[in-house]
Amino acid sequence: MALTARTDSTRPQALAALREIARALSTTWDLDSTLDLIARKTTEVMHVDSCTIYLLDPDGEQLRLRASTGLAKRAWGRTTLRVGEGMTGYAVQCNCPVYAVDAQDDPHFKRIDEAEESAFQSLLAIPLRLEAVPIGAMNVQTLAPHTFTDDEIEIVSLIGELAAGALAKAQLLDKQKRQIEEMRALAQVSEVVTSPQYLHDILDVVTQMAAQVMDAAVCAIYLLNEDKTHLELYSARRASRPYRQRPPLPLGMGVLGQVALTGTPVYVADARVDARYIGGELAQEEGLVSLLCMPLSVRDHVIGVLACYTAVPHQFTDEQQSLLATLANQTALAIENARLLTNTAIVREMHHRIKNNLQTVAMLMQLQLPDADKLNTRQVLEINIHRIRSIAAVHEALSDKGLHLVDVKDVLERITRTTAETLLSPNRVEAIHVYGEQLLLPSREATALTLVVNELVQNALEHAFVSEHGTMGHIEVSLGRSADEWIIIVRDDGVGMPPDCAYGLGLELATTLVADDLNGRIRFNRPPQGGTEVSIRVPRSSVISKE
């Protein structure tokens, strides 16, 4: 029911309560502190069990629960009422106080389960007005049935007028702070554009700043792959739990794929139910609701998408859309700049590595000079060809996977395939197998280990399978790990090493590389079942920081 106010002898107590609230409000500035203080002080001076404040969203159609002393905290920021919905929404619609002794029987009452308000009986709601225009609403509730007097209604209404002025001041201050943060964020992104940083560093800075200034649950950046066929997630920032890694998204598929294909921004009110959005169930699980996607474009070419998610239904304002568009444009320039720097660094790094490895090849060939009279030309050429191919395989892996780590298992599989095609004797050796765990090492260590295994395999091919051996031979390369070491075993089922075996150049090279470049140890064994087994143990601590 709508009410008009009367006054009586309780005026002195009312004025005392209002003065207390006014003094308290004069000491607060930011919006959240002001909301909390209004709710607490109103609860105290009115001797009620709950005071709840709703503010209008920028669209002017939804009231959003922002503070309360009695309702469940998980409802804050999430619970909304349309203007006219519930007793609180009705108070805003009619622009006057509304109350009921038994609120849950009132025709305007709406139960909000997540707010846990079923225990309250009586409710008084008043609009928060600034120059007669509602900016929100406030309600007070009691656990026991209570008839609100005209004086109580007037006091709460006067508190509402004080609160509206304080909230307007706090909202203005918050808006100014946001504008300053937005300008600072744009300035930081502009600085990043010209800074010598790598791509992932830049993207992490952008997503973190975007999440802050947009007050978003998640901001993520997707970039097109080299073939321009799929979007891949490169960076994501969220305040609470981690943002789950997404699989590559085909160009043109889903909301993000359409943005990348058309270069046009897209807004999704609720990603959990929108048919255009791929991954609605995942959005539901992660608490992601509204979505705004901006294309990342350089010279009219889309290179990716900047996506901004909120945890509650949200209509992005024109200012927010303009800000995200500016961030997207600046980010695209930063990405282009980072890629140019990265390409320059790649050329410089590859030049350095190739020079070092050519020097390694030259050193190995020089080591062979004392034995030149004992070797035929074909043998010398074949040995060095396979050493060069071992190094080349490492470079091929680097070009495929990047400059950081090399998958040694993959490189060894490539080398053994080549060896099987060129060096195997069809009458003596059936196959060379590489199996075990993936072993990721920095390029220097990977090159050294690859050369070692190559020398051991070539040594086995040359000496383990003599013609009188009879049966077809096998060579196995096994990769594994313990808590402290990488363990590589090269095993053959040939005639085995003689007890007085003298190390040739290949075995000396293998021993030196293991000790000097890998800080490891190598051991030659004669297993009971026959053949030769060479074990290489490399401490993981020597490369653990690079894994």
Protein backbone atom coordinates (compact mmCIF):
# COMPACT_ATOMS: atom_id res chain seq x y z
CA MET A 1 0.00 0.00 0.00
CA ALA A 2 1.19 3.59 -0.70
CA LEU A 3 1.40 5.97 2.23
CA THR A 4 1.64 9.66 3.09
CA ALA A 5 3.64 10.76 6.12
CA ARG A 6 2.50 12.45 9.38
CA THR A 7 4.55 13.88 12.22
CA ASP A 8 4.16 13.60 15.99
CA SER A 9 6.18 13.78 19.17
CA THR A 10 8.97 11.45 17.98
CA ARG A 11 10.53 14.27 15.93
CA PRO A 12 13.53 14.85 18.34
CA GLN A 13 14.57 11.20 18.14
CA ALA A 14 14.23 11.30 14.38
CA LEU A 15 16.41 14.39 14.10
CA ALA A 16 19.06 12.79 16.33
CA ALA A 17 19.11 9.70 14.12
CA LEU A 18 19.36 11.78 10.96
CA ARG A 19 22.23 13.86 12.39
CA GLU A 20 24.11 10.65 13.25
CA ILE A 21 23.70 9.33 9.73
CA ALA A 22 24.61 12.70 8.17
CA ARG A 23 27.83 12.86 10.24
CA ALA A 24 28.72 9.32 9.22
CA LEU A 25 28.05 9.99 5.54
CA SER A 26 30.28 13.07 5.57
CA THR A 27 33.30 10.84 6.29
CA THR A 28 32.85 8.44 3.35
CA TRP A 29 33.50 8.99 -0.33
CA ASP A 30 33.64 5.81 -2.38
CA LEU A 31 30.40 4.11 -3.44
CA ASP A 32 30.83 0.72 -1.76
CA SER A 33 31.73 2.26 1.62
CA THR A 34 28.80 4.66 1.37
CA LEU A 35 26.35 1.84 0.59
CA ASP A 36 27.64 -0.25 3.49
CA LEU A 37 27.45 2.66 5.94
CA ILE A 38 23.90 3.61 4.92
CA ALA A 39 22.70 0.03 5.38
CA ARG A 40 24.40 -0.39 8.77
CA LYS A 41 23.40 2.99 10.21
CA THR A 42 19.80 2.68 9.06
CA THR A 43 19.59 -0.77 10.70
CA GLU A 44 20.93 0.72 13.95
CA VAL A 45 18.83 3.88 14.21
CA MET A 46 15.62 2.24 13.00
CA HIS A 47 16.05 -0.87 15.21
CA VAL A 48 15.20 -3.18 12.31
CA ASP A 49 16.67 -6.56 11.39
CA SER A 50 17.66 -5.77 7.83
CA CYS A 51 18.31 -2.81 5.57
CA THR A 52 18.84 -3.43 1.85
CA ILE A 53 19.79 -0.97 -0.90
CA TYR A 54 19.12 -1.40 -4.62
CA LEU A 55 20.52 0.92 -7.31
CA LEU A 56 19.26 1.38 -10.85
CA ASP A 57 21.45 -0.04 -13.61
CA PRO A 58 22.58 2.47 -16.26
CA ASP A 59 19.73 1.34 -18.53
CA GLY A 60 17.22 2.55 -15.90
CA GLU A 61 15.19 -0.67 -16.14
CA GLN A 62 16.78 -2.96 -13.54
CA LEU A 63 17.32 -2.47 -9.82
CA ARG A 64 20.42 -4.32 -8.60
CA LEU A 65 20.99 -5.35 -4.99
CA ARG A 66 24.17 -3.56 -3.88
CA ALA A 67 24.27 -3.74 -0.05
CA SER A 68 22.37 -5.35 2.83
CA THR A 69 22.68 -6.07 6.55
CA GLY A 70 20.28 -9.01 6.56
CA LEU A 71 20.20 -10.73 3.17
CA ALA A 72 22.70 -13.36 1.95
CA LYS A 73 25.91 -11.77 0.69
CA ARG A 74 26.04 -14.03 -2.38
CA ALA A 75 23.01 -12.11 -3.70
CA TRP A 76 24.89 -8.81 -3.72
CA GLY A 77 25.55 -7.61 -7.23
CA ARG A 78 23.61 -10.53 -8.72
CA THR A 79 19.99 -10.13 -7.62
CA THR A 80 17.94 -7.77 -9.79
CA LEU A 81 14.37 -6.50 -9.85
CA ARG A 82 12.65 -4.78 -12.73
CA VAL A 83 11.11 -1.42 -11.97
CA GLY A 84 7.63 -2.27 -10.67
CA GLU A 85 8.65 -5.81 -9.64
CA GLY A 86 8.34 -6.73 -5.98
CA MET A 87 7.47 -4.22 -3.27
CA THR A 88 10.84 -2.50 -3.71
CA GLY A 89 10.41 -2.18 -7.47
CA TYR A 90 6.85 -0.97 -6.97
CA ALA A 91 8.08 1.77 -4.60
CA VAL A 92 10.33 3.03 -7.40
CA GLN A 93 7.55 2.80 -9.98
CA CYS A 94 5.03 4.76 -7.91
CA ASN A 95 7.80 6.97 -6.48
CA CYS A 96 6.43 6.67 -2.93
CA PRO A 97 6.89 4.53 0.21
CA VAL A 98 5.29 1.06 0.29
CA TYR A 99 4.94 -1.19 3.33
CA ALA A 100 3.19 -4.33 4.60
CA VAL A 101 2.99 -5.97 8.04
CA ASP A 102 2.93 -9.42 6.40
CA ALA A 103 5.05 -8.68 3.35
CA GLN A 104 4.92 -12.17 1.86
CA ASP A 105 1.14 -11.90 1.53
CA ASP A 106 1.37 -8.55 -0.27
CA PRO A 107 0.39 -8.82 -3.97
CA HIS A 108 3.54 -6.92 -4.98
CA PHE A 109 5.92 -9.09 -2.96
CA LYS A 110 8.47 -11.19 -4.88
CA ARG A 111 10.47 -13.93 -3.18
CA ILE A 112 14.19 -13.97 -3.97
CA ASP A 113 15.49 -17.38 -2.95
CA GLU A 114 19.21 -16.63 -3.20
CA ALA A 115 18.77 -13.65 -0.84
CA GLU A 116 17.41 -15.92 1.96
CA GLU A 117 14.76 -13.44 3.14
CA SER A 118 11.98 -15.91 3.97
CA ALA A 119 12.47 -15.36 7.72
CA PHE A 120 11.46 -11.68 7.53
CA GLN A 121 7.84 -10.66 8.13
CA SER A 122 7.34 -6.92 7.68
CA LEU A 123 8.85 -4.71 4.99
CA LEU A 124 9.01 -0.98 4.25
CA ALA A 125 10.41 0.16 0.88
CA ILE A 126 11.12 3.73 -0.17
CA PRO A 127 12.53 5.15 -3.41
CA LEU A 128 15.92 6.85 -3.36
CA ARG A 129 15.36 10.11 -5.25
CA LEU A 130 17.66 12.79 -6.56
CA GLU A 131 15.70 15.90 -7.53
CA ALA A 132 12.51 13.79 -7.57
CA VAL A 133 14.07 11.26 -10.00
CA PRO A 134 14.55 7.71 -8.57
CA ILE A 135 18.14 6.41 -8.61
CA GLY A 136 17.38 3.30 -6.57
CA ALA A 137 15.43 2.02 -3.58
CA MET A 138 15.95 1.09 0.06
CA ASN A 139 13.93 -1.29 2.19
CA VAL A 140 13.96 -2.22 5.87
CA GLN A 141 12.62 -5.54 7.21
CA THR A 142 11.82 -7.06 10.60
CA LEU A 143 11.73 -10.67 11.74
CA ALA A 144 8.66 -10.11 13.92
CA PRO A 145 5.46 -8.58 12.49
CA HIS A 146 5.68 -4.79 12.76
CA THR A 147 3.36 -1.96 11.84
CA PHE A 148 5.45 0.91 10.55
CA THR A 149 4.25 4.24 11.96
CA ASP A 150 4.04 7.41 9.95
CA ASP A 151 7.03 8.76 11.88
CA GLU A 152 9.10 5.70 11.02
CA ILE A 153 8.12 6.01 7.39
CA GLU A 154 9.10 9.69 7.42
CA ILE A 155 12.44 8.96 9.11
CA VAL A 156 13.30 6.26 6.58
CA SER A 157 12.24 8.60 3.77
CA LEU A 158 14.48 11.37 5.12
CA ILE A 159 17.33 8.87 5.47
CA GLY A 160 16.67 7.97 1.84
CA GLU A 161 17.00 11.61 0.79
CA LEU A 162 20.31 11.90 2.63
CA ALA A 163 21.43 8.59 1.20
CA ALA A 164 20.52 9.58 -2.37
CA GLY A 165 22.66 12.72 -2.17
CA ALA A 166 25.57 10.79 -0.66
CA LEU A 167 25.24 8.02 -3.27
CA ALA A 168 25.13 10.52 -6.12
CA LYS A 169 28.34 12.09 -4.80
CA ALA A 170 29.95 8.67 -4.42
CA GLN A 171 28.81 7.57 -7.91
CA LEU A 172 30.28 10.74 -9.41
CA LEU A 173 33.56 10.10 -7.61
CA ASP A 174 33.58 6.47 -8.77
CA LYS A 175 32.92 7.58 -12.34
CA GLN A 176 35.84 10.00 -12.16
CA LYS A 177 38.07 7.25 -10.74
CA ARG A 178 37.02 4.90 -13.56
CA GLN A 179 37.78 7.56 -16.15
CA ILE A 180 41.22 8.09 -14.62
CA GLU A 181 41.81 4.31 -14.61
CA GLU A 182 40.67 4.09 -18.22
CA MET A 183 43.03 6.88 -19.25
CA ARG A 184 45.85 5.24 -17.29
CA ALA A 185 45.08 1.89 -18.91
CA LEU A 186 45.12 3.40 -22.40
CA ALA A 187 48.37 5.15 -21.59
CA GLN A 188 49.88 1.86 -20.40
CA VAL A 189 48.72 0.06 -23.53
CA SER A 190 50.20 2.85 -25.65
CA GLU A 191 53.46 2.40 -23.77
CA VAL A 192 53.33 -1.36 -24.34
CA VAL A 193 52.89 -0.81 -28.09
CA THR A 194 56.38 0.66 -28.35
CA SER A 195 58.07 -1.44 -25.65
CA PRO A 196 60.47 -4.31 -26.49
CA GLN A 197 58.33 -7.02 -24.91
CA TYR A 198 57.39 -10.46 -26.15
CA LEU A 199 53.89 -11.24 -27.29
CA HIS A 200 52.66 -13.23 -24.27
CA ASP A 201 53.88 -10.53 -21.88
CA ILE A 202 51.97 -7.87 -23.80
CA LEU A 203 48.75 -9.88 -23.95
CA ASP A 204 48.84 -10.65 -20.23
CA VAL A 205 49.19 -6.93 -19.46
CA VAL A 206 46.27 -6.06 -21.74
CA THR A 207 43.86 -8.70 -20.40
CA GLN A 208 44.67 -7.76 -16.82
CA MET A 209 44.08 -4.04 -17.45
CA ALA A 210 40.95 -4.69 -19.50
CA ALA A 211 39.44 -6.83 -16.72
CA GLN A 212 40.08 -4.05 -14.21
CA VAL A 213 38.74 -1.09 -16.16
CA MET A 214 35.75 -3.01 -17.54
CA ASP A 215 34.95 -4.52 -14.11
CA ALA A 216 34.73 -7.87 -15.91
CA ALA A 217 34.85 -11.44 -14.65
CA VAL A 218 37.07 -12.51 -17.57
CA CYS A 219 38.91 -10.77 -20.37
CA ALA A 220 40.49 -13.03 -22.99
CA ILE A 221 42.47 -12.57 -26.19
CA TYR A 222 42.22 -15.03 -29.09
CA LEU A 223 44.55 -14.80 -32.09
CA LEU A 224 44.29 -16.36 -35.53
CA ASN A 225 46.78 -19.13 -36.24
CA GLU A 226 49.32 -18.85 -39.06
CA ASP A 227 46.96 -20.50 -41.55
CA LYS A 228 44.15 -18.05 -40.63
CA THR A 229 41.77 -20.97 -40.07
CA HIS A 230 41.34 -21.07 -36.27
CA LEU A 231 41.28 -18.78 -33.26
CA GLU A 232 43.58 -19.84 -30.42
CA LEU A 233 43.41 -18.63 -26.81
CA TYR A 234 46.60 -16.72 -25.94
CA SER A 235 45.78 -14.91 -22.69
CA ALA A 236 42.94 -14.76 -20.16
CA ARG A 237 42.53 -13.06 -16.79
CA ARG A 238 39.88 -13.64 -14.16
CA ALA A 239 39.68 -12.67 -10.50
CA SER A 240 38.74 -16.03 -8.96
CA ARG A 241 39.27 -19.53 -10.33
CA PRO A 242 41.34 -20.17 -13.46
CA TYR A 243 39.77 -19.71 -16.88
CA ARG A 244 39.68 -23.12 -18.52
CA GLN A 245 41.75 -23.52 -21.67
CA ARG A 246 39.57 -23.49 -24.80
CA PRO A 247 40.29 -25.61 -27.89
CA PRO A 248 41.01 -23.79 -31.19
CA LEU A 249 37.83 -22.32 -32.67
CA PRO A 250 37.31 -22.47 -36.45
CA LEU A 251 37.07 -19.10 -38.19
CA GLY A 252 33.41 -18.13 -38.62
CA MET A 253 32.12 -20.57 -35.98
CA GLY A 254 30.37 -19.22 -32.88
CA VAL A 255 30.33 -15.63 -31.69
CA LEU A 256 34.12 -15.23 -31.54
CA GLY A 257 34.58 -16.87 -34.92
CA GLN A 258 32.03 -14.52 -36.50
CA VAL A 259 33.74 -11.46 -35.01
CA ALA A 260 37.06 -12.65 -36.47
CA LEU A 261 35.45 -13.36 -39.85
CA THR A 262 33.42 -10.13 -40.21
CA GLY A 263 35.50 -7.68 -38.17
CA THR A 264 32.29 -6.50 -36.45
CA PRO A 265 31.80 -6.23 -32.64
CA VAL A 266 29.16 -8.52 -31.13
CA TYR A 267 27.25 -8.26 -27.82
CA VAL A 268 25.68 -11.33 -26.20
CA ALA A 269 23.26 -10.70 -23.33
CA ASP A 270 23.56 -14.22 -21.89
CA ALA A 271 26.21 -16.61 -23.23
CA ARG A 272 24.69 -19.46 -21.20
CA VAL A 273 21.59 -19.64 -23.40
CA ASP A 274 22.41 -17.75 -26.63
CA ALA A 275 22.36 -20.21 -29.54
CA ARG A 276 25.12 -18.30 -31.33
CA TYR A 277 27.61 -18.92 -28.52
CA ILE A 278 29.55 -22.20 -28.55
CA GLY A 279 30.16 -23.48 -25.02
CA GLY A 280 27.02 -22.41 -23.20
CA GLU A 281 27.36 -25.24 -20.68
CA LEU A 282 30.93 -24.20 -19.92
CA ALA A 283 29.82 -20.58 -19.48
CA GLN A 284 27.13 -21.79 -17.07
CA GLU A 285 29.71 -23.82 -15.12
CA GLU A 286 32.17 -20.91 -14.90
CA GLY A 287 29.58 -18.27 -14.07
CA LEU A 288 29.97 -16.21 -17.25
CA VAL A 289 26.92 -14.31 -18.49
CA SER A 290 27.15 -11.23 -20.74
CA LEU A 291 29.81 -10.99 -23.45
CA LEU A 292 31.23 -8.17 -25.55
CA CYS A 293 33.64 -9.12 -28.37
CA MET A 294 35.85 -6.67 -30.27
CA PRO A 295 37.94 -7.54 -33.35
CA LEU A 296 41.70 -6.97 -33.20
CA SER A 297 42.49 -5.37 -36.55
CA VAL A 298 45.64 -4.06 -38.21
CA ARG A 299 45.26 -2.24 -41.52
CA ASP A 300 41.76 -3.68 -42.03
CA HIS A 301 42.99 -7.23 -41.42
CA VAL A 302 41.54 -9.05 -38.40
CA ILE A 303 44.24 -10.85 -36.42
CA GLY A 304 42.19 -11.87 -33.38
CA VAL A 305 39.41 -11.09 -30.90
CA LEU A 306 39.27 -9.36 -27.50
CA ALA A 307 36.43 -10.88 -25.43
CA CYS A 308 35.05 -9.40 -22.22
CA TYR A 309 32.72 -11.47 -19.97
CA THR A 310 30.71 -10.40 -16.92
CA ALA A 311 29.52 -12.58 -14.04
CA VAL A 312 26.04 -11.00 -14.02
CA PRO A 313 23.67 -9.82 -16.77
CA HIS A 314 25.10 -6.56 -18.04
CA GLN A 315 24.30 -4.06 -20.77
CA PHE A 316 27.59 -2.46 -21.79
CA THR A 317 27.34 1.33 -21.98
CA ASP A 318 28.45 3.34 -25.01
CA GLU A 319 31.46 4.50 -22.97
CA GLN A 320 32.45 0.92 -22.15
CA GLN A 321 32.08 -0.18 -25.77
CA SER A 322 34.19 2.76 -26.90
CA LEU A 323 36.83 1.96 -24.27
CA LEU A 324 37.03 -1.72 -25.27
CA ALA A 325 37.26 -0.76 -28.94
CA THR A 326 40.16 1.59 -28.17
CA LEU A 327 41.89 -1.12 -26.13
CA ALA A 328 41.40 -3.56 -29.02
CA ASN A 329 42.94 -1.15 -31.53
CA GLN A 330 45.92 -0.44 -29.27
CA THR A 331 46.36 -4.14 -28.55
CA ALA A 332 46.40 -5.03 -32.25
CA LEU A 333 49.22 -2.52 -32.78
CA ALA A 334 51.09 -3.96 -29.79
CA ILE A 335 50.77 -7.47 -31.21
CA GLU A 336 52.06 -6.37 -34.60
CA ASN A 337 55.00 -4.60 -32.97
CA ALA A 338 55.79 -7.64 -30.78
CA ARG A 339 55.72 -9.97 -33.77
CA LEU A 340 58.19 -7.78 -35.65
CA LEU A 341 60.49 -7.77 -32.62
CA THR A 342 60.09 -11.53 -32.21
CA ASN A 343 60.90 -12.19 -35.87
CA THR A 344 64.05 -10.07 -35.52
CA ALA A 345 65.01 -11.98 -32.37
CA ILE A 346 64.38 -15.32 -34.11
CA VAL A 347 66.67 -14.41 -37.01
CA ARG A 348 69.38 -13.28 -34.59
CA GLU A 349 69.00 -16.38 -32.38
CA MET A 350 68.99 -18.82 -35.29
CA HIS A 351 72.09 -17.14 -36.76
CA HIS A 352 73.86 -17.56 -33.41
CA ARG A 353 72.90 -21.23 -33.11
CA ILE A 354 73.76 -22.12 -36.68
CA LYS A 355 77.18 -20.48 -36.29
CA ASN A 356 77.86 -22.43 -33.09
CA ASN A 357 76.77 -25.73 -34.63
CA LEU A 358 78.83 -25.18 -37.77
CA GLN A 359 81.79 -24.67 -35.46
CA THR A 360 80.87 -27.96 -33.75
CA VAL A 361 80.85 -29.77 -37.12
CA ALA A 362 84.21 -28.22 -38.01
CA MET A 363 85.64 -29.36 -34.66
CA LEU A 364 84.40 -32.92 -35.17
CA MET A 365 85.91 -33.10 -38.63
CA GLN A 366 89.20 -31.75 -37.28
CA LEU A 367 89.20 -34.46 -34.62
CA GLN A 368 89.02 -37.03 -37.43
CA LEU A 369 92.16 -35.73 -39.15
CA PRO A 370 94.59 -37.94 -37.15
CA ASP A 371 92.65 -41.03 -38.29
CA ALA A 372 92.23 -39.87 -41.88
CA ASP A 373 94.62 -42.51 -43.22
CA LYS A 374 92.58 -45.29 -41.61
CA LEU A 375 89.21 -44.15 -43.01
CA ASN A 376 87.93 -44.25 -46.54
CA THR A 377 86.27 -41.22 -48.09
CA ARG A 378 82.79 -42.74 -48.12
CA GLN A 379 82.98 -43.62 -44.44
CA VAL A 380 84.08 -40.09 -43.48
CA LEU A 381 81.32 -38.50 -45.53
CA GLU A 382 78.59 -40.77 -44.14
CA ILE A 383 79.62 -40.14 -40.52
CA ASN A 384 79.63 -36.37 -40.95
CA ILE A 385 76.43 -36.36 -42.97
CA HIS A 386 74.61 -38.02 -40.08
CA ARG A 387 76.12 -35.65 -37.53
CA ILE A 388 74.95 -32.68 -39.58
CA ARG A 389 71.51 -34.25 -39.96
CA SER A 390 71.29 -34.67 -36.19
CA ILE A 391 71.92 -30.95 -35.70
CA ALA A 392 69.57 -30.08 -38.56
CA ALA A 393 66.79 -32.13 -36.94
CA VAL A 394 67.09 -30.02 -33.78
CA HIS A 395 66.77 -26.84 -35.85
CA GLU A 396 63.78 -28.27 -37.68
CA ALA A 397 62.10 -28.97 -34.31
CA LEU A 398 62.85 -25.41 -33.18
CA SER A 399 61.30 -23.95 -36.32
CA ASP A 400 58.19 -26.10 -35.83
CA LYS A 401 57.67 -25.61 -32.10
CA GLY A 402 59.37 -22.32 -31.25
CA LEU A 403 62.62 -21.21 -29.66
CA HIS A 404 62.13 -22.48 -26.12
CA LEU A 405 62.27 -26.27 -25.79
CA VAL A 406 63.00 -29.16 -28.13
CA ASP A 407 61.18 -32.49 -28.02
CA VAL A 408 64.19 -34.83 -28.08
CA LYS A 409 62.03 -37.89 -28.65
CA ASP A 410 60.57 -36.33 -31.79
CA VAL A 411 64.04 -35.37 -33.05
CA LEU A 412 65.42 -38.89 -32.43
CA GLU A 413 62.49 -40.42 -34.29
CA ARG A 414 63.29 -38.21 -37.29
CA ILE A 415 66.97 -39.11 -37.17
CA THR A 416 66.41 -42.86 -36.83
CA ARG A 417 64.01 -42.80 -39.77
CA THR A 418 66.74 -41.23 -41.90
CA THR A 419 69.33 -43.66 -40.56
CA ALA A 420 67.06 -46.61 -41.33
CA GLU A 421 66.77 -45.40 -44.93
CA THR A 422 70.49 -44.88 -45.53
CA LEU A 423 72.64 -46.97 -43.17
CA LEU A 424 70.74 -50.13 -42.30
CA SER A 425 72.00 -53.36 -43.78
CA PRO A 426 68.92 -55.31 -44.91
CA ASN A 427 70.73 -58.56 -44.14
CA ARG A 428 71.71 -57.68 -40.58
CA VAL A 429 69.45 -55.01 -38.93
CA GLU A 430 65.69 -55.07 -39.02
CA ALA A 431 64.70 -51.81 -37.33
CA ILE A 432 65.57 -48.98 -34.94
CA HIS A 433 62.88 -48.13 -32.38
CA VAL A 434 62.50 -45.00 -30.22
CA TYR A 435 60.04 -45.20 -27.35
CA GLY A 436 59.36 -43.86 -23.86
CA GLU A 437 58.48 -40.45 -22.47
CA GLN A 438 58.52 -37.07 -24.15
CA LEU A 439 61.79 -35.33 -23.24
CA LEU A 440 61.83 -31.52 -23.54
CA LEU A 441 65.24 -29.85 -23.34
CA PRO A 442 66.70 -26.46 -24.25
CA SER A 443 68.31 -26.38 -27.68
CA ARG A 444 71.95 -26.64 -26.51
CA GLU A 445 71.30 -29.70 -24.36
CA ALA A 446 69.00 -31.19 -27.00
CA THR A 447 71.71 -30.85 -29.67
CA ALA A 448 74.32 -32.48 -27.44
CA LEU A 449 72.05 -35.39 -26.48
CA THR A 450 70.97 -35.92 -30.08
CA LEU A 451 74.59 -36.10 -31.23
CA VAL A 452 75.39 -38.59 -28.45
CA VAL A 453 72.53 -40.93 -29.36
CA ASN A 454 73.40 -40.61 -33.04
CA GLU A 455 77.02 -41.66 -32.32
CA LEU A 456 75.85 -44.65 -30.24
CA VAL A 457 73.40 -45.82 -32.91
CA GLN A 458 76.02 -45.51 -35.66
CA ASN A 459 78.53 -47.38 -33.48
CA ALA A 460 76.03 -50.21 -33.00
CA LEU A 461 75.33 -50.37 -36.72
CA GLU A 462 79.03 -50.56 -37.49
CA HIS A 463 80.18 -53.05 -34.84
CA ALA A 464 77.26 -54.90 -33.21
CA PHE A 465 75.95 -56.86 -36.17
CA VAL A 466 78.74 -58.76 -37.86
CA SER A 467 77.92 -61.21 -40.62
CA GLU A 468 78.33 -64.31 -38.46
CA HIS A 469 75.82 -62.96 -35.97
CA GLY A 470 73.10 -64.78 -37.85
CA THR A 471 69.76 -63.38 -36.76
CA MET A 472 68.32 -60.00 -37.68
CA GLY A 473 69.31 -57.28 -35.17
CA HIS A 474 67.37 -54.55 -33.39
CA ILE A 475 68.37 -51.22 -31.87
CA GLU A 476 66.21 -49.54 -29.24
CA VAL A 477 66.37 -46.03 -27.79
CA SER A 478 64.43 -45.65 -24.53
CA LEU A 479 63.60 -42.29 -22.85
CA GLY A 480 62.50 -42.08 -19.23
CA ARG A 481 62.90 -40.15 -16.02
CA SER A 482 63.33 -40.58 -12.29
CA ALA A 483 62.73 -37.96 -9.62
CA ASP A 484 66.21 -36.49 -10.19
CA GLU A 485 67.41 -37.59 -13.62
CA TRP A 486 66.58 -38.01 -17.26
CA ILE A 487 67.47 -41.57 -18.27
CA ILE A 488 68.28 -42.46 -21.89
CA ILE A 489 69.17 -46.03 -22.83
CA VAL A 490 70.52 -47.18 -26.21
CA ARG A 491 70.35 -50.97 -26.47
CA ASP A 492 71.16 -53.47 -29.22
CA ASP A 493 70.97 -57.29 -29.39
CA GLY A 494 74.26 -57.68 -31.29
CA VAL A 495 77.48 -59.45 -30.38
CA GLY A 496 78.22 -57.21 -27.42
CA MET A 497 81.29 -55.14 -26.58
CA PRO A 498 84.55 -57.01 -26.00
CA PRO A 499 86.07 -56.60 -22.50
CA ASP A 500 89.12 -54.78 -23.87
CA CYS A 501 87.20 -52.55 -26.26
CA ALA A 502 89.07 -49.34 -27.13
CA TYR A 503 87.03 -46.16 -27.57
CA GLY A 504 87.06 -44.74 -31.04
CA LEU A 505 86.35 -41.13 -31.95
CA GLY A 506 82.55 -41.61 -31.83
CA LEU A 507 82.49 -43.07 -28.31
CA GLU A 508 85.00 -40.48 -27.08
CA LEU A 509 82.77 -37.76 -28.52
CA ALA A 510 79.70 -39.24 -26.81
CA THR A 511 81.48 -39.45 -23.45
CA THR A 512 82.76 -35.87 -23.70
CA LEU A 513 79.36 -34.40 -24.67
CA VAL A 514 77.57 -36.19 -21.82
CA ALA A 515 80.08 -34.96 -19.24
CA ASP A 516 80.71 -31.41 -20.48
CA ASP A 517 77.46 -30.29 -22.12
CA LEU A 518 74.94 -32.32 -20.12
CA ASN A 519 76.67 -32.58 -16.73
CA GLY A 520 75.71 -36.24 -16.83
CA ARG A 521 77.34 -39.65 -16.86
CA ILE A 522 77.45 -42.50 -19.37
CA ARG A 523 77.92 -46.20 -18.70
CA PHE A 524 78.51 -49.13 -21.09
CA ASN A 525 77.06 -52.50 -20.00
CA ARG A 526 76.87 -56.08 -21.23
CA PRO A 527 73.37 -57.27 -20.23
CA PRO A 528 72.93 -60.99 -19.34
CA GLN A 529 70.76 -61.58 -22.38
CA GLY A 530 73.54 -60.38 -24.69
CA GLY A 531 74.15 -57.32 -26.81
CA THR A 532 75.23 -53.91 -25.56
CA GLU A 533 73.42 -51.40 -23.38
CA VAL A 534 74.55 -47.79 -22.94
CA SER A 535 72.84 -45.75 -20.23
CA ILE A 536 72.98 -41.95 -20.08
CA ARG A 537 71.85 -40.17 -16.92
CA VAL A 538 71.38 -36.38 -17.00
CA PRO A 539 70.52 -34.48 -13.78
CA ARG A 540 67.16 -32.76 -14.16
CA SER A 541 68.40 -29.99 -11.87
CA SER A 542 70.75 -28.80 -14.60
CA VAL A 543 67.84 -28.05 -16.94
CA ILE A 544 64.83 -27.99 -14.59
CA SER A 545 64.51 -24.22 -14.73
CA LYS A 546 64.13 -24.44 -18.50
CA GLU A 547 61.69 -27.34 -18.68
